[in-house]
Amino acid sequence: MKYEAEVGRRRILGGIAVLGLGAAATGCTIQQGPAEVEARESGPSGQFIFGYGSLIQKESREETWPKAGKCFPVSVKGITRGWYDRVDTVSWGPTYLGAFPDRGATCNGVIFQVAQDELKVFADREKGYKLLRIPRRDITMLDGRSAPPPGKFLVFRKRVA
């Protein structure tokens, strides 16, 4: 029973980002006017983090960096997400959400813009994960835009042993 409830919760959370129903909870912009688009594209850093787990939630992003609340829903080709043990040996310890490359997979989540000092704070938060670049062509905007904004896209991915 507990397992079924957890599976149901995961499906709901995954669907929230895909369908855009979680705009209030995620802090994502679904409908944008020209001023929002211009402000986003002329930001200071031109680099974005792709959040596929706890970083989808506005409160989680803002706990790490108070100004990191604004995000944009996306789908990314070539990434699969799942629950993994953080250590290299078998353990009864907690599992964590991680992402691995998988050319046949698509992962939903959010992107949010970060400056270099913000990126360092998020890297401290995501210790144990490797920061990798996502090709811009692999990102599909779910906010009605035909293409992602110009910039560099990064993901904290599970380290592969």
N, C-alpha and C. Protein backbone atom coordinates (compact mmCIF):
# COMPACT_ATOMS: atom_id res chain seq x y z
N MET A 1 0.83 -1.19 0.00
CA MET A 1 0.00 0.00 0.00
C MET A 1 0.87 1.25 0.00
N LYS A 2 1.89 1.26 0.90
CA LYS A 2 2.78 2.41 0.98
C LYS A 2 3.52 2.59 -0.35
N TYR A 3 3.97 1.47 -0.95
CA TYR A 3 4.67 1.51 -2.22
C TYR A 3 3.77 2.11 -3.30
N GLU A 4 2.51 1.67 -3.37
CA GLU A 4 1.59 2.17 -4.38
C GLU A 4 1.36 3.67 -4.23
N ALA A 5 1.27 4.14 -2.98
CA ALA A 5 1.09 5.58 -2.74
C ALA A 5 2.31 6.36 -3.22
N GLU A 6 3.51 5.82 -2.99
CA GLU A 6 4.74 6.50 -3.41
C GLU A 6 4.82 6.55 -4.93
N VAL A 7 4.48 5.45 -5.60
CA VAL A 7 4.50 5.42 -7.06
C VAL A 7 3.50 6.44 -7.60
N GLY A 8 2.32 6.50 -7.00
CA GLY A 8 1.32 7.47 -7.43
C GLY A 8 1.80 8.89 -7.24
N ARG A 9 2.46 9.17 -6.11
CA ARG A 9 2.98 10.51 -5.84
C ARG A 9 4.03 10.89 -6.89
N ARG A 10 4.91 9.97 -7.23
CA ARG A 10 5.94 10.25 -8.24
C ARG A 10 5.32 10.55 -9.60
N ARG A 11 4.30 9.79 -9.97
CA ARG A 11 3.63 10.04 -11.25
C ARG A 11 2.98 11.41 -11.27
N ILE A 12 2.36 11.77 -10.17
CA ILE A 12 1.72 13.09 -10.09
C ILE A 12 2.75 14.19 -10.21
N LEU A 13 3.86 14.07 -9.46
CA LEU A 13 4.90 15.10 -9.51
C LEU A 13 5.50 15.21 -10.90
N GLY A 14 5.71 14.09 -11.56
CA GLY A 14 6.23 14.13 -12.92
C GLY A 14 5.26 14.80 -13.87
N GLY A 15 3.98 14.53 -13.71
CA GLY A 15 2.97 15.12 -14.56
C GLY A 15 2.79 16.60 -14.35
N ILE A 16 3.05 17.07 -13.14
CA ILE A 16 2.90 18.50 -12.84
C ILE A 16 3.77 19.33 -13.76
N ALA A 17 5.04 18.96 -13.88
CA ALA A 17 5.95 19.76 -14.71
C ALA A 17 5.59 19.65 -16.18
N VAL A 18 5.19 18.46 -16.63
CA VAL A 18 4.86 18.28 -18.04
C VAL A 18 3.63 19.07 -18.42
N LEU A 19 2.60 19.01 -17.61
CA LEU A 19 1.34 19.66 -17.95
C LEU A 19 1.28 21.12 -17.58
N GLY A 20 2.23 21.59 -16.80
CA GLY A 20 2.22 22.98 -16.40
C GLY A 20 1.24 23.27 -15.29
N LEU A 21 0.69 22.24 -14.66
CA LEU A 21 -0.28 22.45 -13.59
C LEU A 21 0.37 22.96 -12.32
N GLY A 22 1.67 22.81 -12.20
CA GLY A 22 2.36 23.21 -10.99
C GLY A 22 3.01 24.57 -11.09
N ALA A 23 2.51 25.44 -11.93
CA ALA A 23 3.14 26.74 -12.12
C ALA A 23 3.28 27.50 -10.80
N ALA A 24 2.27 27.47 -9.97
CA ALA A 24 2.34 28.19 -8.69
C ALA A 24 3.36 27.55 -7.77
N ALA A 25 3.38 26.23 -7.70
CA ALA A 25 4.31 25.53 -6.81
C ALA A 25 5.74 25.62 -7.31
N THR A 26 5.93 25.59 -8.62
CA THR A 26 7.27 25.59 -9.16
C THR A 26 7.82 27.00 -9.36
N GLY A 27 6.94 27.98 -9.42
CA GLY A 27 7.38 29.34 -9.70
C GLY A 27 7.68 29.55 -11.16
N CYS A 28 7.21 28.64 -12.02
CA CYS A 28 7.50 28.72 -13.45
C CYS A 28 6.58 29.71 -14.13
N THR A 29 7.11 30.30 -15.17
CA THR A 29 6.33 31.17 -16.03
C THR A 29 5.80 30.33 -17.17
N ILE A 30 4.48 30.27 -17.30
CA ILE A 30 3.88 29.52 -18.39
C ILE A 30 3.55 30.46 -19.55
N GLN A 31 2.83 31.52 -19.29
CA GLN A 31 2.51 32.51 -20.29
C GLN A 31 3.46 33.70 -20.11
N GLN A 32 4.09 34.10 -21.19
CA GLN A 32 5.05 35.19 -21.10
C GLN A 32 4.68 36.31 -22.05
N GLY A 33 4.88 37.51 -21.58
CA GLY A 33 4.74 38.67 -22.44
C GLY A 33 6.10 39.03 -23.01
N PRO A 34 6.17 39.95 -23.96
CA PRO A 34 7.44 40.34 -24.57
C PRO A 34 8.46 40.86 -23.56
N ALA A 35 8.02 41.58 -22.52
CA ALA A 35 8.95 42.12 -21.52
C ALA A 35 9.64 41.00 -20.77
N GLU A 36 8.91 39.94 -20.41
CA GLU A 36 9.51 38.82 -19.69
C GLU A 36 10.54 38.10 -20.56
N VAL A 37 10.20 37.89 -21.82
CA VAL A 37 11.12 37.22 -22.73
C VAL A 37 12.39 38.03 -22.87
N GLU A 38 12.28 39.35 -23.09
CA GLU A 38 13.44 40.21 -23.24
C GLU A 38 14.30 40.21 -21.98
N ALA A 39 13.68 40.29 -20.80
CA ALA A 39 14.42 40.30 -19.54
C ALA A 39 15.17 38.99 -19.35
N ARG A 40 14.53 37.89 -19.70
CA ARG A 40 15.17 36.59 -19.53
C ARG A 40 16.37 36.45 -20.45
N GLU A 41 16.23 36.86 -21.71
CA GLU A 41 17.31 36.67 -22.67
C GLU A 41 18.45 37.66 -22.50
N SER A 42 18.21 38.77 -21.83
CA SER A 42 19.28 39.74 -21.65
C SER A 42 19.86 39.68 -20.25
N GLY A 43 19.64 38.55 -19.56
CA GLY A 43 20.16 38.36 -18.20
C GLY A 43 21.67 38.42 -18.16
N PRO A 44 22.24 38.53 -16.94
CA PRO A 44 23.66 38.76 -16.78
C PRO A 44 24.55 37.59 -17.14
N SER A 45 24.09 36.34 -17.02
CA SER A 45 25.02 35.24 -17.15
C SER A 45 24.85 34.41 -18.41
N GLY A 46 23.64 34.26 -18.90
CA GLY A 46 23.42 33.42 -20.05
C GLY A 46 23.65 31.95 -19.77
N GLN A 47 23.64 31.55 -18.48
CA GLN A 47 23.75 30.13 -18.16
C GLN A 47 22.56 29.72 -17.31
N PHE A 48 22.09 28.49 -17.57
CA PHE A 48 20.89 27.99 -16.94
C PHE A 48 21.16 26.62 -16.33
N ILE A 49 20.53 26.34 -15.22
CA ILE A 49 20.55 25.01 -14.61
C ILE A 49 19.25 24.32 -14.97
N PHE A 50 19.34 23.05 -15.36
CA PHE A 50 18.17 22.21 -15.58
C PHE A 50 17.90 21.46 -14.29
N GLY A 51 16.75 21.73 -13.68
CA GLY A 51 16.33 21.03 -12.47
C GLY A 51 15.32 19.96 -12.80
N TYR A 52 15.60 18.72 -12.41
CA TYR A 52 14.72 17.60 -12.72
C TYR A 52 14.16 16.94 -11.47
N GLY A 53 14.55 17.42 -10.29
CA GLY A 53 14.09 16.83 -9.03
C GLY A 53 13.62 17.92 -8.09
N SER A 54 14.30 18.04 -6.96
CA SER A 54 13.89 19.03 -5.97
C SER A 54 14.02 20.46 -6.49
N LEU A 55 14.88 20.69 -7.47
CA LEU A 55 15.04 22.04 -8.02
C LEU A 55 13.83 22.48 -8.85
N ILE A 56 12.90 21.57 -9.10
CA ILE A 56 11.65 21.96 -9.76
C ILE A 56 10.84 22.85 -8.82
N GLN A 57 10.92 22.58 -7.53
CA GLN A 57 10.13 23.32 -6.55
C GLN A 57 10.76 24.67 -6.23
N LYS A 58 9.96 25.72 -6.32
CA LYS A 58 10.41 27.09 -6.08
C LYS A 58 11.08 27.23 -4.71
N GLU A 59 10.45 26.70 -3.66
CA GLU A 59 10.99 26.84 -2.31
C GLU A 59 12.36 26.17 -2.19
N SER A 60 12.56 25.07 -2.88
CA SER A 60 13.84 24.37 -2.84
C SER A 60 14.94 25.20 -3.51
N ARG A 61 14.62 25.79 -4.67
CA ARG A 61 15.61 26.66 -5.34
C ARG A 61 15.94 27.86 -4.47
N GLU A 62 14.88 28.48 -3.91
CA GLU A 62 15.09 29.70 -3.12
C GLU A 62 15.78 29.43 -1.79
N GLU A 63 15.69 28.21 -1.29
CA GLU A 63 16.42 27.86 -0.07
C GLU A 63 17.92 27.91 -0.32
N THR A 64 18.31 27.54 -1.54
CA THR A 64 19.72 27.58 -1.91
C THR A 64 20.14 28.98 -2.33
N TRP A 65 19.31 29.64 -3.11
CA TRP A 65 19.59 31.00 -3.57
C TRP A 65 18.27 31.76 -3.62
N PRO A 66 18.05 32.73 -2.73
CA PRO A 66 16.74 33.40 -2.62
C PRO A 66 16.18 34.01 -3.91
N LYS A 67 17.02 34.40 -4.85
CA LYS A 67 16.53 35.01 -6.08
C LYS A 67 16.38 34.01 -7.22
N ALA A 68 16.49 32.73 -6.93
CA ALA A 68 16.46 31.71 -7.99
C ALA A 68 15.06 31.15 -8.22
N GLY A 69 14.04 31.86 -7.85
CA GLY A 69 12.69 31.34 -7.93
C GLY A 69 12.12 31.22 -9.33
N LYS A 70 12.42 32.14 -10.24
CA LYS A 70 11.81 32.14 -11.57
C LYS A 70 12.40 31.04 -12.44
N CYS A 71 11.51 30.27 -13.06
CA CYS A 71 11.96 29.17 -13.90
C CYS A 71 11.04 29.01 -15.10
N PHE A 72 11.43 28.11 -16.00
CA PHE A 72 10.69 27.87 -17.22
C PHE A 72 10.59 26.36 -17.44
N PRO A 73 9.39 25.82 -17.63
CA PRO A 73 9.23 24.38 -17.82
C PRO A 73 9.81 23.93 -19.16
N VAL A 74 10.51 22.80 -19.11
CA VAL A 74 11.16 22.26 -20.31
C VAL A 74 11.10 20.74 -20.31
N SER A 75 11.42 20.18 -21.45
CA SER A 75 11.64 18.76 -21.62
C SER A 75 13.02 18.62 -22.26
N VAL A 76 13.82 17.67 -21.77
CA VAL A 76 15.18 17.50 -22.27
C VAL A 76 15.37 16.08 -22.80
N LYS A 77 15.80 15.99 -24.06
CA LYS A 77 16.10 14.69 -24.67
C LYS A 77 17.45 14.20 -24.18
N GLY A 78 17.57 12.88 -24.03
CA GLY A 78 18.87 12.29 -23.72
C GLY A 78 19.17 12.13 -22.24
N ILE A 79 18.18 12.39 -21.38
CA ILE A 79 18.39 12.24 -19.93
C ILE A 79 17.27 11.37 -19.37
N THR A 80 17.65 10.42 -18.51
CA THR A 80 16.67 9.64 -17.77
C THR A 80 16.87 9.90 -16.29
N ARG A 81 15.79 9.90 -15.54
CA ARG A 81 15.86 10.19 -14.11
C ARG A 81 15.43 8.95 -13.34
N GLY A 82 16.01 8.79 -12.14
CA GLY A 82 15.63 7.65 -11.30
C GLY A 82 16.21 7.79 -9.91
N TRP A 83 15.81 6.87 -9.04
CA TRP A 83 16.29 6.87 -7.65
C TRP A 83 17.52 5.98 -7.56
N TYR A 84 18.59 6.52 -7.00
CA TYR A 84 19.86 5.81 -6.94
C TYR A 84 20.48 5.94 -5.56
N ASP A 85 21.28 4.92 -5.21
CA ASP A 85 22.06 4.98 -3.97
C ASP A 85 23.23 5.91 -4.24
N ARG A 86 23.51 6.81 -3.34
CA ARG A 86 24.55 7.81 -3.56
C ARG A 86 25.96 7.23 -3.41
N VAL A 87 26.12 6.09 -2.75
CA VAL A 87 27.45 5.52 -2.55
C VAL A 87 27.69 4.39 -3.54
N ASP A 88 28.97 4.02 -3.72
CA ASP A 88 29.34 3.01 -4.69
C ASP A 88 29.18 1.58 -4.17
N THR A 89 28.88 1.41 -2.88
CA THR A 89 28.72 0.08 -2.32
C THR A 89 27.26 -0.13 -1.92
N VAL A 90 26.88 -1.40 -1.78
CA VAL A 90 25.52 -1.71 -1.35
C VAL A 90 25.34 -1.20 0.08
N SER A 91 24.24 -0.51 0.31
CA SER A 91 24.00 0.03 1.65
C SER A 91 22.51 0.12 1.92
N TRP A 92 22.16 0.32 3.17
CA TRP A 92 20.78 0.54 3.56
C TRP A 92 20.52 2.02 3.72
N GLY A 93 21.44 2.84 3.24
CA GLY A 93 21.31 4.29 3.34
C GLY A 93 20.25 4.83 2.40
N PRO A 94 20.03 6.12 2.44
CA PRO A 94 18.99 6.73 1.60
C PRO A 94 19.35 6.69 0.12
N THR A 95 18.34 6.78 -0.70
CA THR A 95 18.55 6.93 -2.13
C THR A 95 18.25 8.37 -2.51
N TYR A 96 18.79 8.79 -3.64
CA TYR A 96 18.65 10.16 -4.11
C TYR A 96 18.23 10.14 -5.57
N LEU A 97 17.58 11.20 -5.96
CA LEU A 97 17.19 11.32 -7.35
C LEU A 97 18.42 11.68 -8.17
N GLY A 98 18.60 11.00 -9.26
CA GLY A 98 19.74 11.27 -10.12
C GLY A 98 19.34 11.16 -11.58
N ALA A 99 20.22 11.57 -12.44
CA ALA A 99 19.98 11.51 -13.88
C ALA A 99 21.17 10.87 -14.57
N PHE A 100 20.89 10.10 -15.60
CA PHE A 100 21.90 9.45 -16.41
C PHE A 100 21.63 9.75 -17.88
N PRO A 101 22.66 9.69 -18.71
CA PRO A 101 22.42 9.87 -20.14
C PRO A 101 21.69 8.66 -20.71
N ASP A 102 20.73 8.92 -21.57
CA ASP A 102 19.98 7.87 -22.24
C ASP A 102 19.37 8.51 -23.49
N ARG A 103 19.98 8.28 -24.64
CA ARG A 103 19.56 8.95 -25.88
C ARG A 103 18.10 8.68 -26.23
N GLY A 104 17.53 7.60 -25.73
CA GLY A 104 16.15 7.29 -26.04
C GLY A 104 15.14 7.88 -25.06
N ALA A 105 15.63 8.55 -24.02
CA ALA A 105 14.75 9.06 -22.97
C ALA A 105 14.50 10.56 -23.10
N THR A 106 13.46 11.00 -22.44
CA THR A 106 13.15 12.43 -22.31
C THR A 106 12.80 12.68 -20.86
N CYS A 107 13.32 13.77 -20.30
CA CYS A 107 13.10 14.11 -18.90
C CYS A 107 12.49 15.50 -18.79
N ASN A 108 11.40 15.62 -18.04
CA ASN A 108 10.80 16.92 -17.83
C ASN A 108 11.42 17.59 -16.61
N GLY A 109 11.32 18.91 -16.55
CA GLY A 109 11.85 19.67 -15.43
C GLY A 109 11.73 21.15 -15.71
N VAL A 110 12.66 21.90 -15.16
CA VAL A 110 12.67 23.36 -15.33
C VAL A 110 14.09 23.84 -15.59
N ILE A 111 14.18 25.00 -16.24
CA ILE A 111 15.48 25.68 -16.34
C ILE A 111 15.33 27.02 -15.61
N PHE A 112 16.41 27.44 -14.98
CA PHE A 112 16.43 28.76 -14.36
C PHE A 112 17.82 29.32 -14.51
N GLN A 113 17.86 30.63 -14.70
CA GLN A 113 19.12 31.31 -14.99
C GLN A 113 19.91 31.54 -13.71
N VAL A 114 21.23 31.38 -13.82
CA VAL A 114 22.13 31.60 -12.68
C VAL A 114 23.36 32.38 -13.12
N ALA A 115 23.83 33.22 -12.22
CA ALA A 115 25.12 33.90 -12.39
C ALA A 115 26.20 32.97 -11.87
N GLN A 116 27.47 33.30 -12.11
CA GLN A 116 28.57 32.43 -11.72
C GLN A 116 28.59 32.16 -10.21
N ASP A 117 28.36 33.20 -9.38
CA ASP A 117 28.38 32.99 -7.93
C ASP A 117 27.21 32.12 -7.48
N GLU A 118 26.08 32.22 -8.15
CA GLU A 118 24.94 31.35 -7.85
C GLU A 118 25.25 29.90 -8.22
N LEU A 119 25.92 29.71 -9.35
CA LEU A 119 26.27 28.37 -9.79
C LEU A 119 27.14 27.67 -8.76
N LYS A 120 28.07 28.41 -8.16
CA LYS A 120 28.94 27.83 -7.12
C LYS A 120 28.13 27.36 -5.91
N VAL A 121 27.13 28.14 -5.52
CA VAL A 121 26.28 27.77 -4.37
C VAL A 121 25.47 26.51 -4.70
N PHE A 122 24.94 26.43 -5.91
CA PHE A 122 24.19 25.23 -6.30
C PHE A 122 25.12 24.02 -6.41
N ALA A 123 26.36 24.22 -6.86
CA ALA A 123 27.32 23.12 -6.93
C ALA A 123 27.63 22.59 -5.53
N ASP A 124 27.73 23.47 -4.53
CA ASP A 124 27.92 23.03 -3.15
C ASP A 124 26.73 22.19 -2.69
N ARG A 125 25.54 22.62 -3.04
CA ARG A 125 24.31 21.90 -2.67
C ARG A 125 24.29 20.51 -3.29
N GLU A 126 24.74 20.40 -4.53
CA GLU A 126 24.63 19.15 -5.29
C GLU A 126 25.93 18.33 -5.26
N LYS A 127 26.64 18.36 -4.15
CA LYS A 127 27.87 17.56 -4.03
C LYS A 127 27.55 16.10 -4.32
N GLY A 128 28.48 15.44 -4.99
CA GLY A 128 28.26 14.05 -5.37
C GLY A 128 27.68 13.91 -6.76
N TYR A 129 27.30 15.03 -7.36
CA TYR A 129 26.79 15.02 -8.72
C TYR A 129 27.79 15.75 -9.61
N LYS A 130 27.83 15.36 -10.86
CA LYS A 130 28.74 15.97 -11.83
C LYS A 130 27.98 17.00 -12.65
N LEU A 131 28.55 18.18 -12.83
CA LEU A 131 27.92 19.24 -13.61
C LEU A 131 28.31 19.05 -15.08
N LEU A 132 27.30 18.85 -15.92
CA LEU A 132 27.54 18.62 -17.33
C LEU A 132 26.69 19.55 -18.18
N ARG A 133 27.14 19.79 -19.38
CA ARG A 133 26.44 20.67 -20.31
C ARG A 133 25.38 19.89 -21.09
N ILE A 134 24.25 20.54 -21.35
CA ILE A 134 23.17 19.98 -22.16
C ILE A 134 23.18 20.72 -23.49
N PRO A 135 23.19 20.01 -24.62
CA PRO A 135 23.10 20.70 -25.91
C PRO A 135 21.77 21.45 -26.02
N ARG A 136 21.82 22.67 -26.47
CA ARG A 136 20.62 23.51 -26.62
C ARG A 136 19.57 22.82 -27.48
N ARG A 137 20.00 22.08 -28.49
CA ARG A 137 19.08 21.41 -29.40
C ARG A 137 18.25 20.31 -28.70
N ASP A 138 18.69 19.85 -27.54
CA ASP A 138 17.98 18.80 -26.80
C ASP A 138 16.90 19.35 -25.88
N ILE A 139 16.75 20.67 -25.83
CA ILE A 139 15.79 21.30 -24.92
C ILE A 139 14.55 21.76 -25.68
N THR A 140 13.39 21.36 -25.18
CA THR A 140 12.11 21.80 -25.72
C THR A 140 11.42 22.63 -24.66
N MET A 141 11.08 23.86 -25.01
CA MET A 141 10.38 24.74 -24.08
C MET A 141 8.93 24.30 -23.97
N LEU A 142 8.39 24.26 -22.75
CA LEU A 142 6.99 23.89 -22.53
C LEU A 142 6.14 25.10 -22.16
N ASP A 143 6.69 26.29 -22.42
CA ASP A 143 5.95 27.53 -22.12
C ASP A 143 5.44 28.21 -23.38
N GLY A 144 5.45 27.48 -24.49
CA GLY A 144 4.94 28.05 -25.73
C GLY A 144 6.02 28.63 -26.63
N ARG A 145 7.23 28.78 -26.14
CA ARG A 145 8.33 29.30 -26.97
C ARG A 145 8.79 28.23 -27.94
N SER A 146 9.26 28.64 -29.09
CA SER A 146 9.71 27.69 -30.09
C SER A 146 11.14 27.20 -29.83
N ALA A 147 11.91 27.95 -29.03
CA ALA A 147 13.30 27.56 -28.75
C ALA A 147 13.72 28.10 -27.38
N PRO A 148 14.71 27.45 -26.77
CA PRO A 148 15.21 27.97 -25.49
C PRO A 148 15.97 29.27 -25.70
N PRO A 149 16.13 30.04 -24.64
CA PRO A 149 16.88 31.29 -24.75
C PRO A 149 18.35 31.00 -25.07
N PRO A 150 19.07 31.98 -25.59
CA PRO A 150 20.50 31.78 -25.83
C PRO A 150 21.21 31.56 -24.49
N GLY A 151 22.21 30.72 -24.50
CA GLY A 151 22.97 30.51 -23.29
C GLY A 151 23.50 29.11 -23.18
N LYS A 152 24.12 28.84 -22.05
CA LYS A 152 24.71 27.54 -21.73
C LYS A 152 23.76 26.85 -20.76
N PHE A 153 23.47 25.55 -21.00
CA PHE A 153 22.54 24.80 -20.17
C PHE A 153 23.31 23.69 -19.46
N LEU A 154 23.10 23.61 -18.15
CA LEU A 154 23.85 22.68 -17.31
C LEU A 154 22.92 21.82 -16.49
N VAL A 155 23.38 20.60 -16.18
CA VAL A 155 22.62 19.69 -15.33
C VAL A 155 23.57 19.05 -14.32
N PHE A 156 23.08 18.88 -13.11
CA PHE A 156 23.81 18.11 -12.10
C PHE A 156 23.38 16.66 -12.27
N ARG A 157 24.30 15.84 -12.78
CA ARG A 157 23.98 14.47 -13.12
C ARG A 157 24.68 13.50 -12.19
N LYS A 158 24.09 12.36 -11.97
CA LYS A 158 24.69 11.31 -11.16
C LYS A 158 26.04 10.94 -11.72
N ARG A 159 27.02 10.83 -10.83
CA ARG A 159 28.36 10.41 -11.27
C ARG A 159 28.32 8.96 -11.68
N VAL A 160 28.96 8.65 -12.78
CA VAL A 160 29.05 7.27 -13.25
C VAL A 160 30.40 6.73 -12.83
N ALA A 161 30.41 5.59 -12.13
CA ALA A 161 31.65 5.02 -11.62
C ALA A 161 32.52 4.49 -12.73
